[in-house]
Amino acid sequence: MIPLKDDNPTSSRPIITYCIIGICIFVFILELSSPGYNTGTLFYSYGVIPAVLTGKVLLPQEAYAVPASFTLITSMFMHGGFMHLIGNMLYMWIFADNIEDELGPTKFLIFYILSGIAAALTQVYMNTDSFIPMVGASGAIGGVLGAYIVNHPKAKVLVLIPLGFFSQIVKIPAIYVLGFWFVLQFVSSALSSSEGGGVAYGAHIGGFIFGVIAILFFNRRVKPRPIKKVPEKKERKIKNPWDTR
């Protein structure tokens, strides 16, 4: 299933969502113009490498563009190709605006960054000896999807079901669309090699689970408006002028 849009309006403009999408596109353009893109050295400098992050392997000194721990941040704004970028930004465009609308810009940015870090650490935990660099916003977006399935399980999502000549466009509740995505990550992870086959399914799973749990704490608590008490009207007693008592 390929999501196209959701029927879930927002009450504010998702500035942070737009900024993240813009930064990812801008960074990808910089990647393409870098000589290290085709050789892969760029990803070794800014991507998360489990074996390096855990201290099991050291890179050549000139390869350390940033400290290894900081790659937990830089990696989530990089992508390995056009389809990688387009797929991630499509999910970001459809689902992130509602979460930002509910959390507010600051809390949403914190939630997004923490989701990305949690996702990367999950992948590191699952493949501590891997020397393959990990890049992409998939883990952080997985957190957004986890939050969405909690807050809007019944929201209708317009999806394309590719069945060749019989492809269809239908509306399906978000709980089924995102639930299918989550199950697909488990299946793909089980079928892939221990190195992940170039796709960090562990990060996708970790980010989603983090999002499901963290959104319960991040959800804005809306205080009910106090009910104004209307003073009771006192009956005015009119004295009867003919009453001699």
Protein backbone atom coordinates (compact mmCIF):
# COMPACT_ATOMS: atom_id res chain seq x y z
CA MET A 1 0.00 0.00 0.00
CA ILE A 2 1.29 3.43 -0.97
CA PRO A 3 -0.31 6.30 1.02
CA LEU A 4 -1.30 9.36 -1.00
CA LYS A 5 -3.07 11.62 1.52
CA ASP A 6 -5.15 11.54 4.67
CA ASP A 7 -8.53 13.05 5.51
CA ASN A 8 -7.35 14.63 8.74
CA PRO A 9 -7.33 18.45 8.71
CA THR A 10 -5.10 20.54 10.98
CA SER A 11 -5.74 23.84 12.72
CA SER A 12 -2.22 25.26 12.26
CA ARG A 13 0.53 25.38 9.67
CA PRO A 14 3.13 22.61 10.29
CA ILE A 15 6.22 24.82 10.10
CA ILE A 16 8.63 22.27 11.62
CA THR A 17 7.40 19.54 9.29
CA TYR A 18 8.01 21.79 6.28
CA CYS A 19 11.45 22.75 7.63
CA ILE A 20 12.50 19.12 8.14
CA ILE A 21 11.40 18.22 4.61
CA GLY A 22 13.23 21.26 3.24
CA ILE A 23 16.42 20.44 5.16
CA CYS A 24 16.40 16.81 3.98
CA ILE A 25 16.00 17.92 0.35
CA PHE A 26 18.72 20.57 0.72
CA VAL A 27 21.12 18.10 2.36
CA PHE A 28 20.48 15.58 -0.41
CA ILE A 29 21.36 18.20 -3.03
CA LEU A 30 24.60 18.84 -1.14
CA GLU A 31 25.24 15.09 -1.09
CA LEU A 32 24.91 14.87 -4.87
CA SER A 33 27.40 17.69 -5.33
CA SER A 34 29.92 16.07 -2.97
CA PRO A 35 32.70 13.87 -4.41
CA GLY A 36 32.22 11.55 -1.44
CA TYR A 37 28.68 10.63 -2.50
CA ASN A 38 29.64 8.14 -5.23
CA THR A 39 32.57 6.71 -3.29
CA GLY A 40 30.50 6.30 -0.11
CA THR A 41 32.99 8.13 2.10
CA LEU A 42 30.38 10.80 2.81
CA PHE A 43 28.13 8.25 4.53
CA TYR A 44 31.00 6.88 6.59
CA SER A 45 31.66 10.40 7.87
CA TYR A 46 28.09 11.40 8.74
CA GLY A 47 26.14 8.12 8.97
CA VAL A 48 25.68 5.96 12.04
CA ILE A 49 28.11 3.02 12.01
CA PRO A 50 27.20 0.60 14.82
CA ALA A 51 30.72 -0.79 15.26
CA VAL A 52 32.18 2.73 15.41
CA LEU A 53 29.52 4.07 17.77
CA THR A 54 30.10 1.19 20.18
CA GLY A 55 33.88 1.68 19.98
CA LYS A 56 34.61 -1.72 18.44
CA VAL A 57 36.12 -0.20 15.30
CA LEU A 58 37.92 3.08 14.70
CA LEU A 59 37.75 5.03 11.46
CA PRO A 60 40.80 6.78 10.00
CA GLN A 61 41.17 10.15 11.70
CA GLU A 62 40.40 12.07 8.48
CA ALA A 63 37.04 10.25 8.18
CA TYR A 64 35.70 11.77 11.41
CA ALA A 65 33.83 14.82 10.13
CA VAL A 66 31.82 14.86 13.38
CA PRO A 67 32.08 12.84 16.62
CA ALA A 68 30.56 9.36 16.33
CA SER A 69 27.80 10.20 18.83
CA PHE A 70 26.75 13.23 16.77
CA THR A 71 26.06 11.01 13.75
CA LEU A 72 22.86 10.02 15.55
CA ILE A 73 21.64 13.48 14.48
CA THR A 74 23.37 14.02 11.13
CA SER A 75 22.35 10.62 9.78
CA MET A 76 18.62 11.32 10.04
CA PHE A 77 18.84 14.20 7.55
CA MET A 78 20.76 12.24 4.89
CA HIS A 79 19.48 9.81 2.25
CA GLY A 80 21.08 7.23 0.03
CA GLY A 81 19.15 7.93 -3.17
CA PHE A 82 16.16 9.62 -4.83
CA MET A 83 13.66 6.86 -4.00
CA HIS A 84 14.88 6.74 -0.41
CA LEU A 85 14.31 10.49 -0.08
CA ILE A 86 10.95 10.56 -1.92
CA GLY A 87 9.51 7.65 0.06
CA ASN A 88 10.45 9.15 3.42
CA MET A 89 9.27 12.66 2.57
CA LEU A 90 5.93 11.31 1.32
CA TYR A 91 5.21 9.71 4.69
CA MET A 92 6.46 12.83 6.46
CA TRP A 93 4.19 15.08 4.38
CA ILE A 94 1.08 12.97 4.99
CA PHE A 95 1.35 12.08 8.68
CA ALA A 96 3.65 14.55 10.48
CA ASP A 97 1.44 17.64 10.19
CA ASN A 98 -1.24 16.25 12.51
CA ILE A 99 1.28 15.28 15.19
CA GLU A 100 2.92 18.71 15.04
CA ASP A 101 -0.53 20.33 15.20
CA GLU A 102 -1.23 18.49 18.46
CA LEU A 103 2.16 18.79 20.13
CA GLY A 104 3.14 22.24 18.94
CA PRO A 105 6.36 23.07 17.04
CA THR A 106 8.85 22.78 19.93
CA LYS A 107 7.54 19.55 21.43
CA PHE A 108 7.18 18.03 17.96
CA LEU A 109 10.80 18.80 17.07
CA ILE A 110 11.97 17.21 20.33
CA PHE A 111 9.73 14.21 19.70
CA TYR A 112 11.06 13.82 16.14
CA ILE A 113 14.74 14.03 17.15
CA LEU A 114 14.27 11.59 20.04
CA SER A 115 12.45 9.17 17.72
CA GLY A 116 15.37 9.28 15.30
CA ILE A 117 17.91 8.69 18.06
CA ALA A 118 15.87 5.81 19.53
CA ALA A 119 15.55 4.26 16.08
CA ALA A 120 19.29 4.47 15.39
CA LEU A 121 20.18 3.01 18.78
CA THR A 122 17.80 0.11 18.13
CA GLN A 123 19.64 -0.68 14.91
CA VAL A 124 22.98 -0.38 16.69
CA TYR A 125 21.80 -2.77 19.41
CA MET A 126 20.66 -5.32 16.81
CA ASN A 127 23.91 -5.10 14.78
CA THR A 128 26.67 -3.94 17.10
CA ASP A 129 29.40 -5.37 14.86
CA SER A 130 28.09 -3.88 11.61
CA PHE A 131 30.41 -1.54 9.72
CA ILE A 132 27.69 -0.44 7.29
CA PRO A 133 26.76 3.25 7.72
CA MET A 134 23.09 3.99 8.34
CA VAL A 135 21.43 7.14 6.98
CA GLY A 136 17.87 8.29 6.47
CA ALA A 137 14.88 9.82 8.22
CA SER A 138 13.01 6.49 8.24
CA GLY A 139 13.52 5.85 11.95
CA ALA A 140 12.37 9.30 13.03
CA ILE A 141 9.40 9.08 10.67
CA GLY A 142 8.66 5.65 12.14
CA GLY A 143 8.19 7.47 15.44
CA VAL A 144 5.73 9.85 13.76
CA LEU A 145 3.79 6.89 12.36
CA GLY A 146 3.67 5.30 15.80
CA ALA A 147 2.28 8.53 17.25
CA TYR A 148 -0.27 8.81 14.44
CA ILE A 149 -1.63 5.29 14.94
CA VAL A 150 -2.20 6.11 18.61
CA ASN A 151 -3.79 9.53 18.13
CA HIS A 152 -5.69 8.92 14.87
CA PRO A 153 -6.36 5.20 14.37
CA LYS A 154 -9.66 5.82 12.60
CA ALA A 155 -8.47 8.61 10.28
CA LYS A 156 -9.04 7.66 6.63
CA VAL A 157 -5.94 7.40 4.44
CA LEU A 158 -6.14 7.40 0.66
CA VAL A 159 -3.82 4.63 -0.55
CA LEU A 160 -2.75 3.14 -3.85
CA ILE A 161 -2.82 -0.65 -3.91
CA PRO A 162 -0.52 -1.64 -6.81
CA LEU A 163 -1.91 -4.76 -8.45
CA GLY A 164 -0.68 -4.15 -11.97
CA PHE A 165 -3.63 -3.69 -14.32
CA PHE A 166 -6.05 -4.01 -11.36
CA SER A 167 -4.42 -1.29 -9.20
CA GLN A 168 -6.92 0.53 -7.01
CA ILE A 169 -7.11 3.72 -4.99
CA VAL A 170 -9.13 3.28 -1.81
CA LYS A 171 -9.61 4.88 1.61
CA ILE A 172 -8.50 2.75 4.55
CA PRO A 173 -8.37 3.57 8.30
CA ALA A 174 -4.89 4.59 9.45
CA ILE A 175 -4.67 1.71 11.92
CA TYR A 176 -4.66 -0.77 9.02
CA VAL A 177 -2.34 1.27 6.76
CA LEU A 178 0.29 1.90 9.44
CA GLY A 179 -0.25 -1.49 11.05
CA PHE A 180 0.53 -3.09 7.69
CA TRP A 181 3.67 -0.93 7.41
CA PHE A 182 4.83 -2.05 10.86
CA VAL A 183 4.22 -5.75 10.18
CA LEU A 184 6.03 -5.39 6.86
CA GLN A 185 9.13 -4.16 8.69
CA PHE A 186 9.17 -7.31 10.84
CA VAL A 187 8.72 -9.57 7.82
CA SER A 188 11.38 -7.75 5.82
CA SER A 189 13.76 -7.85 8.78
CA ALA A 190 13.27 -11.61 9.17
CA LEU A 191 13.89 -12.22 5.46
CA SER A 192 16.93 -9.96 5.21
CA SER A 193 20.50 -10.86 6.06
CA SER A 194 22.08 -10.06 9.40
CA GLU A 195 23.60 -6.97 7.84
CA GLY A 196 20.12 -5.72 6.97
CA GLY A 197 20.50 -5.92 3.21
CA GLY A 198 21.18 -2.17 3.09
CA VAL A 199 17.88 -1.32 4.85
CA ALA A 200 17.82 -0.60 8.59
CA TYR A 201 14.59 -2.42 9.46
CA GLY A 202 15.57 -2.47 13.12
CA ALA A 203 15.57 1.34 13.09
CA HIS A 204 12.11 1.41 11.53
CA ILE A 205 10.76 -0.94 14.21
CA GLY A 206 12.52 0.85 17.06
CA GLY A 207 11.32 4.27 15.92
CA PHE A 208 7.72 3.09 15.59
CA ILE A 209 7.63 1.47 19.04
CA PHE A 210 9.24 4.55 20.58
CA GLY A 211 6.62 6.75 18.92
CA VAL A 212 3.74 4.63 20.22
CA ILE A 213 5.04 4.88 23.79
CA ALA A 214 6.46 8.41 23.79
CA ILE A 215 3.37 10.07 22.33
CA LEU A 216 1.45 9.08 25.46
CA PHE A 217 3.77 11.40 27.41
CA PHE A 218 4.07 14.08 24.74
CA ASN A 219 0.37 14.52 24.09
CA ARG A 220 -0.68 17.99 25.11
CA ARG A 221 -2.98 18.02 28.11
CA VAL A 222 -5.80 20.36 27.34
CA LYS A 223 -7.17 21.88 30.52
CA PRO A 224 -10.95 22.07 30.50
CA ARG A 225 -12.30 25.58 30.54
CA PRO A 226 -13.72 26.53 33.93
CA ILE A 227 -17.47 26.72 33.97
CA LYS A 228 -18.64 30.16 35.02
CA LYS A 229 -21.19 30.04 37.75
CA VAL A 230 -24.25 32.10 37.00
CA PRO A 231 -25.47 33.82 40.17
CA GLU A 232 -28.92 32.76 41.16
CA LYS A 233 -31.57 35.40 40.76
CA LYS A 234 -33.22 36.27 44.04
CA GLU A 235 -36.94 36.75 43.95
CA ARG A 236 -37.95 40.28 44.86
CA LYS A 237 -40.70 40.41 47.42
CA ILE A 238 -43.26 43.16 46.82
CA LYS A 239 -45.19 44.25 49.87
CA ASN A 240 -48.92 44.33 49.51
CA PRO A 241 -49.99 47.92 50.34
CA TRP A 242 -53.37 46.69 51.58
CA ASP A 243 -51.81 44.14 53.89
CA THR A 244 -52.26 45.62 57.39
CA ARG A 245 -50.60 42.76 59.16
